[in-house]
Amino acid sequence: MKKQEPGPILVSSCLVGLCTRYDGQIKPSEKCLQQLRGRIWVPVCPEQLGGLPTPRPAADLVGGDGKAVLDGWAAVITKDGVDVTENFIRGAAQCLAVVKAQGVELAFLRAKSPSCGLGPLKGVTAAMLEENGVKIREF
């Protein structure tokens, strides 16, 4: 019986060196790139997929974590006071669409991000992916 190849990995595009970070800087994660070597991976930026530009003002979760945002109890607000909650939810939904289309079961996401982080507050995309059975590793 042939061993089944693992499916593709969804990865935060900023981790692989694409210019998608909120501040426009390029800061790839060598540890992440090592883990991706020899694997099939799909880069995504939930914030760009949600319609936000790069660079863009930094944003924070306000009133709860990503799950609370998805449930309508919390928001995502930029440092300038602009509510970008709908952009974050739209981007998370777009990432989930990629997951479903590509059969993704594992995601490598950017730590400390209001979209992708697992802590101290779980991000919006991380929450949506976890709710749909995707395993997450953060870098």
Protein backbone atom coordinates (compact mmCIF):
# COMPACT_ATOMS: atom_id res chain seq x y z
CA MET A 1 0.00 0.00 0.00
CA LYS A 2 1.42 3.39 -1.03
CA LYS A 3 1.89 5.99 1.69
CA GLN A 4 -0.49 8.92 1.17
CA GLU A 5 1.25 12.22 0.51
CA PRO A 6 0.37 14.94 3.00
CA GLY A 7 -1.88 17.66 1.64
CA PRO A 8 -0.83 21.22 0.96
CA ILE A 9 -0.08 23.60 3.81
CA LEU A 10 -1.75 26.98 4.04
CA VAL A 11 0.89 29.53 5.05
CA SER A 12 0.83 33.20 5.99
CA SER A 13 2.49 34.82 2.99
CA CYS A 14 4.55 37.13 5.19
CA LEU A 15 6.27 34.03 6.64
CA VAL A 16 7.66 33.12 3.22
CA GLY A 17 8.94 36.61 2.42
CA LEU A 18 6.11 38.14 0.44
CA CYS A 19 5.48 41.84 1.02
CA THR A 20 2.18 41.47 2.89
CA ARG A 21 3.02 42.54 6.45
CA TYR A 22 0.98 45.45 7.75
CA ASP A 23 4.08 47.67 7.78
CA GLY A 24 5.30 46.62 4.33
CA GLN A 25 8.47 45.05 5.72
CA ILE A 26 9.71 41.70 4.48
CA LYS A 27 10.56 39.37 7.36
CA PRO A 28 10.46 35.71 6.33
CA SER A 29 10.68 32.99 8.96
CA GLU A 30 13.63 30.69 8.29
CA LYS A 31 12.14 28.13 10.67
CA CYS A 32 8.89 28.14 8.70
CA LEU A 33 10.70 27.94 5.36
CA GLN A 34 12.66 24.92 6.62
CA GLN A 35 9.40 23.19 7.61
CA LEU A 36 7.94 23.91 4.16
CA ARG A 37 10.92 22.58 2.23
CA GLY A 38 9.84 19.77 -0.07
CA ARG A 39 6.15 20.30 0.68
CA ILE A 40 3.31 21.82 -1.33
CA TRP A 41 2.14 25.09 0.23
CA VAL A 42 -0.31 27.86 -0.54
CA PRO A 43 0.56 31.40 0.62
CA VAL A 44 -2.27 33.68 1.76
CA CYS A 45 -2.64 37.01 3.51
CA PRO A 46 -6.05 37.20 5.19
CA GLU A 47 -5.83 40.97 5.57
CA GLN A 48 -5.10 41.53 1.87
CA LEU A 49 -7.76 38.97 0.90
CA GLY A 50 -10.15 41.01 3.05
CA GLY A 51 -9.43 44.11 0.99
CA LEU A 52 -6.82 45.92 3.08
CA PRO A 53 -3.73 47.46 1.46
CA THR A 54 -0.05 47.00 2.24
CA PRO A 55 1.20 48.90 4.10
CA ARG A 56 -1.76 49.49 6.41
CA PRO A 57 -2.20 50.76 9.96
CA ALA A 58 -1.60 48.18 12.67
CA ALA A 59 -4.79 46.71 14.12
CA ASP A 60 -5.77 45.07 17.40
CA LEU A 61 -8.54 42.82 18.62
CA VAL A 62 -10.84 44.83 20.92
CA GLY A 63 -13.33 43.24 23.30
CA GLY A 64 -12.26 39.62 22.81
CA ASP A 65 -10.43 37.16 20.61
CA GLY A 66 -10.99 36.09 17.01
CA LYS A 67 -13.85 33.78 17.95
CA ALA A 68 -15.58 36.68 19.70
CA VAL A 69 -15.12 38.72 16.52
CA LEU A 70 -16.70 35.95 14.44
CA ASP A 71 -19.56 35.73 16.95
CA GLY A 72 -20.13 39.51 16.75
CA TRP A 73 -18.99 40.32 20.31
CA ALA A 74 -15.60 41.88 19.54
CA ALA A 75 -14.03 44.05 16.83
CA VAL A 76 -10.77 44.69 15.01
CA ILE A 77 -9.74 48.35 15.23
CA THR A 78 -6.71 50.05 13.69
CA LYS A 79 -4.36 52.26 15.68
CA ASP A 80 -6.12 55.16 13.89
CA GLY A 81 -9.48 54.08 15.32
CA VAL A 82 -10.90 52.63 12.09
CA ASP A 83 -13.08 49.52 12.40
CA VAL A 84 -11.72 46.87 10.00
CA THR A 85 -13.69 43.97 11.47
CA GLU A 86 -15.50 43.18 8.22
CA ASN A 87 -12.20 43.10 6.31
CA PHE A 88 -10.77 40.61 8.79
CA ILE A 89 -13.86 38.39 8.65
CA ARG A 90 -13.92 38.53 4.83
CA GLY A 91 -10.23 37.61 4.67
CA ALA A 92 -10.69 34.71 7.08
CA ALA A 93 -13.58 33.43 4.95
CA GLN A 94 -11.42 33.66 1.82
CA CYS A 95 -8.69 31.63 3.56
CA LEU A 96 -11.27 29.04 4.54
CA ALA A 97 -12.39 28.85 0.90
CA VAL A 98 -8.78 28.12 -0.12
CA VAL A 99 -8.57 25.45 2.61
CA LYS A 100 -11.68 23.72 1.32
CA ALA A 101 -10.70 24.00 -2.35
CA GLN A 102 -7.20 22.62 -1.75
CA GLY A 103 -7.89 20.01 0.92
CA VAL A 104 -5.69 21.77 3.47
CA GLU A 105 -5.49 20.23 6.94
CA LEU A 106 -2.51 22.20 8.32
CA ALA A 107 -1.75 25.93 8.41
CA PHE A 108 1.46 27.73 9.33
CA LEU A 109 0.44 31.17 10.60
CA ARG A 110 2.19 34.33 11.83
CA ALA A 111 2.41 34.61 15.61
CA LYS A 112 1.00 37.67 17.42
CA SER A 113 -1.18 38.70 14.48
CA PRO A 114 -4.81 39.80 14.94
CA SER A 115 -5.56 37.61 11.93
CA CYS A 116 -3.29 34.64 12.36
CA GLY A 117 -1.89 34.48 15.89
CA LEU A 118 -2.79 31.91 18.53
CA GLY A 119 -1.91 34.05 21.52
CA PRO A 120 -2.20 36.03 23.65
CA LEU A 121 -5.53 36.40 21.80
CA LYS A 122 -6.41 34.01 18.98
CA GLY A 123 -6.73 35.87 15.67
CA VAL A 124 -9.80 35.94 13.44
CA THR A 125 -8.45 33.65 10.70
CA ALA A 126 -6.91 31.28 13.24
CA ALA A 127 -10.27 30.99 15.00
CA MET A 128 -12.17 30.34 11.77
CA LEU A 129 -9.69 27.73 10.57
CA GLU A 130 -9.64 25.93 13.92
CA GLU A 131 -13.46 25.88 13.99
CA ASN A 132 -13.25 24.06 10.66
CA GLY A 133 -10.76 21.40 11.75
CA VAL A 134 -7.51 22.90 10.46
CA LYS A 135 -4.47 22.26 12.65
CA ILE A 136 -2.37 25.39 13.18
CA ARG A 137 1.29 25.96 13.94
CA GLU A 138 2.46 29.50 14.50
CA PHE A 139 5.82 30.98 13.63
